[in-house]
Amino acid sequence: MAVTRHRIYAIIDSADSDDLASRIADIGIVSLIVLNVIAVILESVNTISESYSLAFYWFEAFSVAVFSIEYVLRLWSCVDPITTNTQTALKIRLRYALSIHGLIDLAAILPFYLAIFISADLRFLRALRLIRILKLTRYSPALGLLLRALKREQQAISAALFLMGIALLVAACGIYACERTAQPDDFGSIPAAIWWAVATLTTVGYGDVIPVTIGGKMFGTCVMLIGVVMVALPTGILASTFADELRTRRENYREVVDSALDDGVITADEFTTLETFRSQTGLSTAEAERILQNEVAKKLKSPEPCKQCGFISS
């Protein structure tokens, strides 16, 4: 049982590029996700949906079956890397189920089952099938990097969004006070004014509703200036964290290269390890090659002393 679980984990959750079964599984799941997104888009066209409704249904059923099996296997094998007792294994499985990837995997299959067991009109759930595209974050190092950056700075981003919410409320209240008499249809209540506040603070500015009074225009100018700062705040935080994550990945890869170069030679096994680590970290082949060449050049310029006599050869 343990051997089987270990093999399943290696196939569905391993980044080993030399494992043929793992590569086939990854390609199959990614292809199915892309086909599902295409199917949802085509199904929104009435003529196509009416002509191929049965084909769409059976493709959806097949996809849900595959994604359900994948979800169960991930839930079962996620404890494999850790030697655990039964209680700890249960906690690990629960942690996976509540993780970002686990929730995405569940959300990818949940609308189908809800439509079966609930008799209400749940046609709106069809659009939720597009959430399956988020499953690609498991196979894309770049998207995974973005998620890690969001998780790392979740407190700072939450604080920025909280400030944005306060600014939104103040802007809606202010424009309501300035424009409610002149434009009762557009600014007759604070909830109605929130639309203008959102469009202005985010610097989108649709222009469908605009202030016409002098006080409203002056207040609107202040809101525009505040909006530029408020939008830039979470963007700057995320961009800085994203850059830090990229820098950390390069440093980690450089450390692995240095370790492989300890004896002055990179063996075939060490090269395979480097390539696997490069794939896991999402570094491009050209960037990894540049780091490798730089570290080899440093090694040649700064030879280490002999461990026996301490002599440094020229």
C-alpha atoms as a PDB file:
ATOM      1  CA  MET A   1       0.000   0.000   0.000  1.00  0.00           C
ATOM      2  CA  ALA A   2       2.761   2.445   0.952  1.00  0.00           C
ATOM      3  CA  VAL A   3       4.665   1.630  -2.248  1.00  0.00           C
ATOM      4  CA  THR A   4       1.551   2.198  -4.347  1.00  0.00           C
ATOM      5  CA  ARG A   5       0.828   5.485  -2.616  1.00  0.00           C
ATOM      6  CA  HIS A   6       4.414   6.588  -3.106  1.00  0.00           C
ATOM      7  CA  ARG A   7       4.227   5.794  -6.825  1.00  0.00           C
ATOM      8  CA  ILE A   8       0.938   7.642  -7.258  1.00  0.00           C
ATOM      9  CA  TYR A   9       2.380  10.670  -5.471  1.00  0.00           C
ATOM     10  CA  ALA A  10       5.428  10.544  -7.752  1.00  0.00           C
ATOM     11  CA  ILE A  11       3.202  10.479 -10.835  1.00  0.00           C
ATOM     12  CA  ILE A  12       0.648  13.179 -10.005  1.00  0.00           C
ATOM     13  CA  ASP A  13       2.640  15.529  -7.800  1.00  0.00           C
ATOM     14  CA  SER A  14       6.270  15.154  -8.814  1.00  0.00           C
ATOM     15  CA  ALA A  15       8.250  17.617 -10.920  1.00  0.00           C
ATOM     16  CA  ASP A  16      10.699  14.944 -12.071  1.00  0.00           C
ATOM     17  CA  SER A  17      11.078  15.545 -15.800  1.00  0.00           C
ATOM     18  CA  ASP A  18      12.639  12.088 -16.274  1.00  0.00           C
ATOM     19  CA  ASP A  19       9.535  10.238 -15.068  1.00  0.00           C
ATOM     20  CA  LEU A  20       7.629   9.334 -18.229  1.00  0.00           C
ATOM     21  CA  ALA A  21       4.412   8.502 -16.384  1.00  0.00           C
ATOM     22  CA  SER A  22       4.532  11.822 -14.530  1.00  0.00           C
ATOM     23  CA  ARG A  23       5.059  13.755 -17.781  1.00  0.00           C
ATOM     24  CA  ILE A  24       2.177  11.924 -19.463  1.00  0.00           C
ATOM     25  CA  ALA A  25      -0.113  12.613 -16.487  1.00  0.00           C
ATOM     26  CA  ASP A  26       0.823  16.309 -16.461  1.00  0.00           C
ATOM     27  CA  ILE A  27       0.304  16.695 -20.204  1.00  0.00           C
ATOM     28  CA  GLY A  28      -3.028  14.863 -20.006  1.00  0.00           C
ATOM     29  CA  ILE A  29      -4.392  16.998 -17.154  1.00  0.00           C
ATOM     30  CA  VAL A  30      -3.184  20.273 -18.695  1.00  0.00           C
ATOM     31  CA  SER A  31      -4.707  19.326 -22.077  1.00  0.00           C
ATOM     32  CA  LEU A  32      -8.015  18.446 -20.414  1.00  0.00           C
ATOM     33  CA  ILE A  33      -8.068  21.767 -18.549  1.00  0.00           C
ATOM     34  CA  VAL A  34      -7.467  23.719 -21.771  1.00  0.00           C
ATOM     35  CA  LEU A  35     -10.166  21.720 -23.608  1.00  0.00           C
ATOM     36  CA  ASN A  36     -12.610  22.437 -20.760  1.00  0.00           C
ATOM     37  CA  VAL A  37     -12.004  26.168 -21.023  1.00  0.00           C
ATOM     38  CA  ILE A  38     -12.552  26.007 -24.794  1.00  0.00           C
ATOM     39  CA  ALA A  39     -15.730  23.961 -24.268  1.00  0.00           C
ATOM     40  CA  VAL A  40     -17.173  26.485 -21.798  1.00  0.00           C
ATOM     41  CA  ILE A  41     -16.462  29.323 -24.233  1.00  0.00           C
ATOM     42  CA  LEU A  42     -18.039  27.498 -27.203  1.00  0.00           C
ATOM     43  CA  GLU A  43     -21.032  26.417 -25.110  1.00  0.00           C
ATOM     44  CA  SER A  44     -21.908  30.065 -24.524  1.00  0.00           C
ATOM     45  CA  VAL A  45     -22.696  30.357 -28.262  1.00  0.00           C
ATOM     46  CA  ASN A  46     -26.373  29.354 -28.590  1.00  0.00           C
ATOM     47  CA  THR A  47     -26.117  27.791 -32.056  1.00  0.00           C
ATOM     48  CA  ILE A  48     -23.159  25.620 -31.073  1.00  0.00           C
ATOM     49  CA  SER A  49     -24.648  24.738 -27.685  1.00  0.00           C
ATOM     50  CA  GLU A  50     -27.939  23.596 -29.228  1.00  0.00           C
ATOM     51  CA  SER A  51     -26.232  21.519 -31.926  1.00  0.00           C
ATOM     52  CA  TYR A  52     -23.736  19.753 -29.674  1.00  0.00           C
ATOM     53  CA  SER A  53     -25.466  19.796 -26.288  1.00  0.00           C
ATOM     54  CA  LEU A  54     -25.145  16.026 -25.802  1.00  0.00           C
ATOM     55  CA  ALA A  55     -21.454  16.060 -26.728  1.00  0.00           C
ATOM     56  CA  PHE A  56     -20.830  18.908 -24.309  1.00  0.00           C
ATOM     57  CA  TYR A  57     -22.607  17.014 -21.521  1.00  0.00           C
ATOM     58  CA  TRP A  58     -20.636  13.802 -21.954  1.00  0.00           C
ATOM     59  CA  PHE A  59     -17.366  15.691 -22.242  1.00  0.00           C
ATOM     60  CA  GLU A  60     -18.237  17.511 -19.021  1.00  0.00           C
ATOM     61  CA  ALA A  61     -19.066  14.203 -17.316  1.00  0.00           C
ATOM     62  CA  PHE A  62     -15.789  12.666 -18.505  1.00  0.00           C
ATOM     63  CA  SER A  63     -13.799  15.698 -17.340  1.00  0.00           C
ATOM     64  CA  VAL A  64     -15.432  15.695 -13.909  1.00  0.00           C
ATOM     65  CA  ALA A  65     -14.713  11.982 -13.558  1.00  0.00           C
ATOM     66  CA  VAL A  66     -11.022  12.529 -14.348  1.00  0.00           C
ATOM     67  CA  PHE A  67     -10.739  15.582 -12.082  1.00  0.00           C
ATOM     68  CA  SER A  68     -12.568  13.745  -9.283  1.00  0.00           C
ATOM     69  CA  ILE A  69     -10.180  10.788  -9.492  1.00  0.00           C
ATOM     70  CA  GLU A  70      -7.244  13.193  -9.514  1.00  0.00           C
ATOM     71  CA  TYR A  71      -8.606  15.015  -6.444  1.00  0.00           C
ATOM     72  CA  VAL A  72      -9.125  11.780  -4.502  1.00  0.00           C
ATOM     73  CA  LEU A  73      -5.658  10.497  -5.431  1.00  0.00           C
ATOM     74  CA  ARG A  74      -4.028  13.781  -4.371  1.00  0.00           C
ATOM     75  CA  LEU A  75      -5.949  13.724  -1.115  1.00  0.00           C
ATOM     76  CA  TRP A  76      -4.889  10.123  -0.486  1.00  0.00           C
ATOM     77  CA  SER A  77      -1.218  10.429  -1.476  1.00  0.00           C
ATOM     78  CA  CYS A  78      -0.435  13.893  -0.072  1.00  0.00           C
ATOM     79  CA  VAL A  79       0.884  12.323   3.162  1.00  0.00           C
ATOM     80  CA  ASP A  80       3.491  10.273   1.285  1.00  0.00           C
ATOM     81  CA  PRO A  81       6.497  12.635   1.723  1.00  0.00           C
ATOM     82  CA  ILE A  82       6.091  12.554   5.513  1.00  0.00           C
ATOM     83  CA  THR A  83       6.191   9.593   7.883  1.00  0.00           C
ATOM     84  CA  THR A  84       3.043  10.076   9.909  1.00  0.00           C
ATOM     85  CA  ASN A  85       0.683   8.312  12.221  1.00  0.00           C
ATOM     86  CA  THR A  86      -3.039   8.124  11.435  1.00  0.00           C
ATOM     87  CA  GLN A  87      -3.953  11.293  13.307  1.00  0.00           C
ATOM     88  CA  THR A  88      -1.194  13.356  11.702  1.00  0.00           C
ATOM     89  CA  ALA A  89      -2.045  11.959   8.260  1.00  0.00           C
ATOM     90  CA  LEU A  90      -5.624  13.141   8.739  1.00  0.00           C
ATOM     91  CA  LYS A  91      -4.405  16.620   9.613  1.00  0.00           C
ATOM     92  CA  ILE A  92      -2.153  16.708   6.551  1.00  0.00           C
ATOM     93  CA  ARG A  93      -5.019  15.677   4.286  1.00  0.00           C
ATOM     94  CA  LEU A  94      -7.244  18.324   5.860  1.00  0.00           C
ATOM     95  CA  ARG A  95      -4.491  20.908   5.364  1.00  0.00           C
ATOM     96  CA  TYR A  96      -4.299  19.967   1.678  1.00  0.00           C
ATOM     97  CA  ALA A  97      -8.093  20.131   1.290  1.00  0.00           C
ATOM     98  CA  LEU A  98      -8.085  23.671   2.708  1.00  0.00           C
ATOM     99  CA  SER A  99      -5.016  24.804   0.764  1.00  0.00           C
ATOM    100  CA  ILE A 100      -5.282  27.006  -2.325  1.00  0.00           C
ATOM    101  CA  HIS A 101      -4.642  24.118  -4.719  1.00  0.00           C
ATOM    102  CA  GLY A 102      -7.007  21.839  -2.808  1.00  0.00           C
ATOM    103  CA  LEU A 103      -9.842  24.371  -2.894  1.00  0.00           C
ATOM    104  CA  ILE A 104      -9.264  24.979  -6.615  1.00  0.00           C
ATOM    105  CA  ASP A 105      -9.373  21.225  -7.294  1.00  0.00           C
ATOM    106  CA  LEU A 106     -12.633  20.954  -5.341  1.00  0.00           C
ATOM    107  CA  ALA A 107     -14.175  23.990  -7.030  1.00  0.00           C
ATOM    108  CA  ALA A 108     -13.374  22.463 -10.429  1.00  0.00           C
ATOM    109  CA  ILE A 109     -15.749  19.530  -9.817  1.00  0.00           C
ATOM    110  CA  LEU A 110     -18.282  20.942  -7.339  1.00  0.00           C
ATOM    111  CA  PRO A 111     -20.626  22.721  -9.820  1.00  0.00           C
ATOM    112  CA  PHE A 112     -21.290  19.454 -11.681  1.00  0.00           C
ATOM    113  CA  TYR A 113     -22.300  17.582  -8.530  1.00  0.00           C
ATOM    114  CA  LEU A 114     -24.395  20.487  -7.259  1.00  0.00           C
ATOM    115  CA  ALA A 115     -26.345  20.501 -10.520  1.00  0.00           C
ATOM    116  CA  ILE A 116     -27.068  16.782 -10.048  1.00  0.00           C
ATOM    117  CA  PHE A 117     -28.163  16.815  -6.418  1.00  0.00           C
ATOM    118  CA  ILE A 118     -29.920  20.193  -6.301  1.00  0.00           C
ATOM    119  CA  SER A 119     -33.095  20.566  -8.354  1.00  0.00           C
ATOM    120  CA  ALA A 120     -32.964  24.378  -8.549  1.00  0.00           C
ATOM    121  CA  ASP A 121     -31.938  26.223 -11.694  1.00  0.00           C
ATOM    122  CA  LEU A 122     -28.151  26.301 -11.423  1.00  0.00           C
ATOM    123  CA  ARG A 123     -27.300  27.344 -14.959  1.00  0.00           C
ATOM    124  CA  PHE A 124     -25.240  30.181 -13.534  1.00  0.00           C
ATOM    125  CA  LEU A 125     -22.833  27.519 -12.213  1.00  0.00           C
ATOM    126  CA  ARG A 126     -21.733  26.799 -15.772  1.00  0.00           C
ATOM    127  CA  ALA A 127     -19.625  29.932 -15.734  1.00  0.00           C
ATOM    128  CA  LEU A 128     -17.879  28.670 -12.595  1.00  0.00           C
ATOM    129  CA  ARG A 129     -16.390  25.843 -14.656  1.00  0.00           C
ATOM    130  CA  LEU A 130     -13.923  28.412 -15.956  1.00  0.00           C
ATOM    131  CA  ILE A 131     -12.304  28.202 -12.534  1.00  0.00           C
ATOM    132  CA  ARG A 132     -10.673  25.025 -13.826  1.00  0.00           C
ATOM    133  CA  ILE A 133      -8.145  27.211 -15.587  1.00  0.00           C
ATOM    134  CA  LEU A 134      -6.769  27.992 -12.119  1.00  0.00           C
ATOM    135  CA  LYS A 135      -5.659  24.355 -11.919  1.00  0.00           C
ATOM    136  CA  LEU A 136      -2.897  25.370 -14.318  1.00  0.00           C
ATOM    137  CA  THR A 137      -1.204  27.162 -11.407  1.00  0.00           C
ATOM    138  CA  ARG A 138      -0.024  23.725 -10.280  1.00  0.00           C
ATOM    139  CA  TYR A 139       1.803  23.212 -13.584  1.00  0.00           C
ATOM    140  CA  SER A 140       2.981  26.783 -14.220  1.00  0.00           C
ATOM    141  CA  PRO A 141       5.984  27.948 -12.155  1.00  0.00           C
ATOM    142  CA  ALA A 142       5.169  31.569 -13.026  1.00  0.00           C
ATOM    143  CA  LEU A 143       1.598  31.362 -11.695  1.00  0.00           C
ATOM    144  CA  GLY A 144       2.835  29.450  -8.670  1.00  0.00           C
ATOM    145  CA  LEU A 145       5.359  32.207  -8.054  1.00  0.00           C
ATOM    146  CA  LEU A 146       2.586  34.788  -8.168  1.00  0.00           C
ATOM    147  CA  LEU A 147       0.506  32.838  -5.642  1.00  0.00           C
ATOM    148  CA  ARG A 148       3.501  32.567  -3.299  1.00  0.00           C
ATOM    149  CA  ALA A 149       4.089  36.296  -3.616  1.00  0.00           C
ATOM    150  CA  LEU A 150       0.440  36.962  -2.719  1.00  0.00           C
ATOM    151  CA  LYS A 151       0.635  34.598   0.239  1.00  0.00           C
ATOM    152  CA  ARG A 152       3.887  36.119   1.461  1.00  0.00           C
ATOM    153  CA  GLU A 153       2.502  39.657   1.455  1.00  0.00           C
ATOM    154  CA  GLN A 154      -1.097  38.852   2.329  1.00  0.00           C
ATOM    155  CA  GLN A 155      -1.037  41.081   5.407  1.00  0.00           C
ATOM    156  CA  ALA A 156       0.358  44.083   3.531  1.00  0.00           C
ATOM    157  CA  ILE A 157      -2.024  43.590   0.620  1.00  0.00           C
ATOM    158  CA  SER A 158      -4.949  43.133   3.024  1.00  0.00           C
ATOM    159  CA  ALA A 159      -4.010  46.400   4.718  1.00  0.00           C
ATOM    160  CA  ALA A 160      -3.849  48.167   1.348  1.00  0.00           C
ATOM    161  CA  LEU A 161      -7.264  46.781   0.360  1.00  0.00           C
ATOM    162  CA  PHE A 162      -8.666  47.860   3.728  1.00  0.00           C
ATOM    163  CA  LEU A 163      -7.453  51.404   3.087  1.00  0.00           C
ATOM    164  CA  MET A 164      -8.960  51.234  -0.390  1.00  0.00           C
ATOM    165  CA  GLY A 165     -12.293  50.235   1.166  1.00  0.00           C
ATOM    166  CA  ILE A 166     -12.171  53.209   3.529  1.00  0.00           C
ATOM    167  CA  ALA A 167     -11.302  55.560   0.666  1.00  0.00           C
ATOM    168  CA  LEU A 168     -14.157  54.094  -1.368  1.00  0.00           C
ATOM    169  CA  LEU A 169     -16.660  54.726   1.401  1.00  0.00           C
ATOM    170  CA  VAL A 170     -15.400  58.282   1.999  1.00  0.00           C
ATOM    171  CA  ALA A 171     -15.521  59.043  -1.739  1.00  0.00           C
ATOM    172  CA  ALA A 172     -19.085  57.723  -2.048  1.00  0.00           C
ATOM    173  CA  CYS A 173     -20.264  59.693   0.982  1.00  0.00           C
ATOM    174  CA  GLY A 174     -18.530  62.860  -0.214  1.00  0.00           C
ATOM    175  CA  ILE A 175     -19.895  62.809  -3.752  1.00  0.00           C
ATOM    176  CA  TYR A 176     -23.348  61.981  -2.373  1.00  0.00           C
ATOM    177  CA  ALA A 177     -23.219  65.121  -0.200  1.00  0.00           C
ATOM    178  CA  CYS A 178     -22.072  67.262  -3.140  1.00  0.00           C
ATOM    179  CA  GLU A 179     -24.281  65.913  -5.958  1.00  0.00           C
ATOM    180  CA  ARG A 180     -27.455  64.467  -4.416  1.00  0.00           C
ATOM    181  CA  THR A 181     -29.468  67.629  -5.068  1.00  0.00           C
ATOM    182  CA  ALA A 182     -28.188  68.315  -8.574  1.00  0.00           C
ATOM    183  CA  GLN A 183     -28.322  64.658  -9.760  1.00  0.00           C
ATOM    184  CA  PRO A 184     -30.807  62.701  -7.633  1.00  0.00           C
ATOM    185  CA  ASP A 185     -30.999  59.863 -10.179  1.00  0.00           C
ATOM    186  CA  ASP A 186     -27.236  59.142 -10.226  1.00  0.00           C
ATOM    187  CA  PHE A 187     -26.219  60.265  -6.728  1.00  0.00           C
ATOM    188  CA  GLY A 188     -29.483  59.986  -4.815  1.00  0.00           C
ATOM    189  CA  SER A 189     -28.025  57.540  -2.270  1.00  0.00           C
ATOM    190  CA  ILE A 190     -24.640  56.413  -1.015  1.00  0.00           C
ATOM    191  CA  PRO A 191     -24.965  52.932  -2.573  1.00  0.00           C
ATOM    192  CA  ALA A 192     -25.700  54.597  -5.932  1.00  0.00           C
ATOM    193  CA  ALA A 193     -22.642  56.831  -5.510  1.00  0.00           C
ATOM    194  CA  ILE A 194     -20.374  53.828  -4.858  1.00  0.00           C
ATOM    195  CA  TRP A 195     -20.276  53.050  -8.606  1.00  0.00           C
ATOM    196  CA  TRP A 196     -18.790  56.476  -9.337  1.00  0.00           C
ATOM    197  CA  ALA A 197     -16.366  56.071  -6.423  1.00  0.00           C
ATOM    198  CA  VAL A 198     -15.125  52.708  -7.692  1.00  0.00           C
ATOM    199  CA  ALA A 199     -14.662  53.951 -11.274  1.00  0.00           C
ATOM    200  CA  THR A 200     -12.835  57.071 -10.070  1.00  0.00           C
ATOM    201  CA  LEU A 201     -10.615  55.552  -7.375  1.00  0.00           C
ATOM    202  CA  THR A 202      -9.442  52.771  -9.689  1.00  0.00           C
ATOM    203  CA  THR A 203      -8.653  55.445 -12.340  1.00  0.00           C
ATOM    204  CA  VAL A 204     -10.941  53.674 -14.849  1.00  0.00           C
ATOM    205  CA  GLY A 205     -13.296  56.628 -15.269  1.00  0.00           C
ATOM    206  CA  TYR A 206     -16.116  55.317 -17.479  1.00  0.00           C
ATOM    207  CA  GLY A 207     -17.696  58.759 -17.618  1.00  0.00           C
ATOM    208  CA  ASP A 208     -21.290  57.485 -17.452  1.00  0.00           C
ATOM    209  CA  VAL A 209     -21.891  59.532 -14.285  1.00  0.00           C
ATOM    210  CA  ILE A 210     -19.890  62.677 -13.538  1.00  0.00           C
ATOM    211  CA  PRO A 211     -20.133  65.533 -11.004  1.00  0.00           C
ATOM    212  CA  VAL A 212     -21.647  68.747 -12.362  1.00  0.00           C
ATOM    213  CA  THR A 213     -21.453  71.072  -9.352  1.00  0.00           C
ATOM    214  CA  ILE A 214     -18.356  73.060  -8.433  1.00  0.00           C
ATOM    215  CA  GLY A 215     -18.076  71.277  -5.087  1.00  0.00           C
ATOM    216  CA  GLY A 216     -18.523  67.888  -6.738  1.00  0.00           C
ATOM    217  CA  LYS A 217     -15.815  68.597  -9.310  1.00  0.00           C
ATOM    218  CA  MET A 218     -13.359  69.791  -6.647  1.00  0.00           C
ATOM    219  CA  PHE A 219     -14.079  66.730  -4.521  1.00  0.00           C
ATOM    220  CA  GLY A 220     -13.789  64.499  -7.586  1.00  0.00           C
ATOM    221  CA  THR A 221     -10.334  65.944  -8.342  1.00  0.00           C
ATOM    222  CA  CYS A 222      -9.152  65.002  -4.858  1.00  0.00           C
ATOM    223  CA  VAL A 223     -10.574  61.503  -5.247  1.00  0.00           C
ATOM    224  CA  MET A 224      -8.722  61.072  -8.561  1.00  0.00           C
ATOM    225  CA  LEU A 225      -5.389  62.020  -6.985  1.00  0.00           C
ATOM    226  CA  ILE A 226      -5.999  59.715  -4.029  1.00  0.00           C
ATOM    227  CA  GLY A 227      -6.972  56.926  -6.429  1.00  0.00           C
ATOM    228  CA  VAL A 228      -3.608  57.063  -8.214  1.00  0.00           C
ATOM    229  CA  VAL A 229      -1.833  56.502  -4.897  1.00  0.00           C
ATOM    230  CA  MET A 230      -4.233  53.818  -3.667  1.00  0.00           C
ATOM    231  CA  VAL A 231      -3.975  51.746  -6.856  1.00  0.00           C
ATOM    232  CA  ALA A 232      -0.185  52.020  -6.908  1.00  0.00           C
ATOM    233  CA  LEU A 233       0.145  50.808  -3.304  1.00  0.00           C
ATOM    234  CA  PRO A 234      -0.846  47.108  -3.679  1.00  0.00           C
ATOM    235  CA  THR A 235       0.693  47.027  -7.153  1.00  0.00           C
ATOM    236  CA  GLY A 236       4.042  48.173  -5.791  1.00  0.00           C
ATOM    237  CA  ILE A 237       3.894  45.690  -2.913  1.00  0.00           C
ATOM    238  CA  LEU A 238       3.140  42.791  -5.256  1.00  0.00           C
ATOM    239  CA  ALA A 239       5.776  43.814  -7.816  1.00  0.00           C
ATOM    240  CA  SER A 240       8.453  44.121  -5.124  1.00  0.00           C
ATOM    241  CA  THR A 241       7.583  40.731  -3.620  1.00  0.00           C
ATOM    242  CA  PHE A 242       7.492  39.120  -7.061  1.00  0.00           C
ATOM    243  CA  ALA A 243      10.981  40.453  -7.790  1.00  0.00           C
ATOM    244  CA  ASP A 244      12.224  39.205  -4.401  1.00  0.00           C
ATOM    245  CA  GLU A 245      10.848  35.735  -5.125  1.00  0.00           C
ATOM    246  CA  LEU A 246      12.627  35.657  -8.477  1.00  0.00           C
ATOM    247  CA  ARG A 247      15.866  36.792  -6.829  1.00  0.00           C
ATOM    248  CA  THR A 248      15.494  34.109  -4.153  1.00  0.00           C
ATOM    249  CA  ARG A 249      14.994  31.421  -6.789  1.00  0.00           C
ATOM    250  CA  ARG A 250      18.138  32.511  -8.617  1.00  0.00           C
ATOM    251  CA  GLU A 251      20.115  32.459  -5.379  1.00  0.00           C
ATOM    252  CA  ASN A 252      18.821  29.001  -4.501  1.00  0.00           C
ATOM    253  CA  TYR A 253      19.793  27.709  -7.939  1.00  0.00           C
ATOM    254  CA  ARG A 254      23.216  29.325  -7.582  1.00  0.00           C
ATOM    255  CA  GLU A 255      23.714  27.528  -4.261  1.00  0.00           C
ATOM    256  CA  VAL A 256      22.838  24.196  -5.863  1.00  0.00           C
ATOM    257  CA  VAL A 257      25.327  24.908  -8.660  1.00  0.00           C
ATOM    258  CA  ASP A 258      28.032  25.778  -6.113  1.00  0.00           C
ATOM    259  CA  SER A 259      27.360  22.529  -4.287  1.00  0.00           C
ATOM    260  CA  ALA A 260      27.676  20.565  -7.533  1.00  0.00           C
ATOM    261  CA  LEU A 261      30.941  22.330  -8.325  1.00  0.00           C
ATOM    262  CA  ASP A 262      32.598  21.474  -5.003  1.00  0.00           C
ATOM    263  CA  ASP A 263      34.701  18.789  -6.646  1.00  0.00           C
ATOM    264  CA  GLY A 264      35.231  20.863  -9.784  1.00  0.00           C
ATOM    265  CA  VAL A 265      33.147  18.539 -11.989  1.00  0.00           C
ATOM    266  CA  ILE A 266      29.424  18.296 -12.614  1.00  0.00           C
ATOM    267  CA  THR A 267      28.499  14.647 -13.015  1.00  0.00           C
ATOM    268  CA  ALA A 268      25.533  13.325 -14.972  1.00  0.00           C
ATOM    269  CA  ASP A 269      23.551  12.813 -11.769  1.00  0.00           C
ATOM    270  CA  GLU A 270      24.365  16.323 -10.577  1.00  0.00           C
ATOM    271  CA  PHE A 271      23.348  17.748 -13.953  1.00  0.00           C
ATOM    272  CA  THR A 272      20.018  15.895 -13.702  1.00  0.00           C
ATOM    273  CA  THR A 273      19.524  17.343 -10.215  1.00  0.00           C
ATOM    274  CA  LEU A 274      20.273  20.836 -11.517  1.00  0.00           C
ATOM    275  CA  GLU A 275      17.844  20.422 -14.386  1.00  0.00           C
ATOM    276  CA  THR A 276      15.098  19.164 -12.057  1.00  0.00           C
ATOM    277  CA  PHE A 277      15.684  22.066  -9.661  1.00  0.00           C
ATOM    278  CA  ARG A 278      15.654  24.512 -12.590  1.00  0.00           C
ATOM    279  CA  SER A 279      12.316  23.142 -13.746  1.00  0.00           C
ATOM    280  CA  GLN A 280      10.846  23.349 -10.238  1.00  0.00           C
ATOM    281  CA  THR A 281      11.969  26.954  -9.749  1.00  0.00           C
ATOM    282  CA  GLY A 282      10.730  28.066 -13.168  1.00  0.00           C
ATOM    283  CA  LEU A 283      14.070  29.419 -14.362  1.00  0.00           C
ATOM    284  CA  SER A 284      14.554  29.523 -18.113  1.00  0.00           C
ATOM    285  CA  THR A 285      17.219  27.347 -19.698  1.00  0.00           C
ATOM    286  CA  ALA A 286      19.158  30.434 -20.845  1.00  0.00           C
ATOM    287  CA  GLU A 287      19.130  31.982 -17.362  1.00  0.00           C
ATOM    288  CA  ALA A 288      20.199  28.726 -15.714  1.00  0.00           C
ATOM    289  CA  GLU A 289      23.014  28.372 -18.252  1.00  0.00           C
ATOM    290  CA  ARG A 290      24.171  31.915 -17.529  1.00  0.00           C
ATOM    291  CA  ILE A 291      24.260  31.247 -13.781  1.00  0.00           C
ATOM    292  CA  LEU A 292      26.161  28.007 -14.375  1.00  0.00           C
ATOM    293  CA  GLN A 293      28.733  29.720 -16.590  1.00  0.00           C
ATOM    294  CA  ASN A 294      29.230  32.530 -14.059  1.00  0.00           C
ATOM    295  CA  GLU A 295      29.776  30.084 -11.210  1.00  0.00           C
ATOM    296  CA  VAL A 296      32.233  28.021 -13.277  1.00  0.00           C
ATOM    297  CA  ALA A 297      34.122  31.211 -14.166  1.00  0.00           C
ATOM    298  CA  LYS A 298      34.298  32.193 -10.480  1.00  0.00           C
ATOM    299  CA  LYS A 299      35.540  28.721  -9.606  1.00  0.00           C
ATOM    300  CA  LEU A 300      38.327  28.963 -12.185  1.00  0.00           C
ATOM    301  CA  LYS A 301      39.372  32.464 -11.085  1.00  0.00           C
ATOM    302  CA  SER A 302      39.396  31.593  -7.377  1.00  0.00           C
ATOM    303  CA  PRO A 303      40.789  28.075  -6.954  1.00  0.00           C
ATOM    304  CA  GLU A 304      40.523  26.610  -3.486  1.00  0.00           C
ATOM    305  CA  PRO A 305      43.659  25.546  -1.586  1.00  0.00           C
ATOM    306  CA  CYS A 306      44.588  21.899  -1.477  1.00  0.00           C
ATOM    307  CA  LYS A 307      42.908  20.216   1.518  1.00  0.00           C
ATOM    308  CA  GLN A 308      46.132  18.269   2.292  1.00  0.00           C
ATOM    309  CA  CYS A 309      48.906  20.842   1.932  1.00  0.00           C
ATOM    310  CA  GLY A 310      47.056  24.146   1.645  1.00  0.00           C
ATOM    311  CA  PHE A 311      48.848  25.013  -1.623  1.00  0.00           C
ATOM    312  CA  ILE A 312      46.906  27.059  -4.184  1.00  0.00           C
ATOM    313  CA  SER A 313      47.796  26.154  -7.743  1.00  0.00           C
ATOM    314  CA  SER A 314      47.946  28.864 -10.385  1.00  0.00           C
END
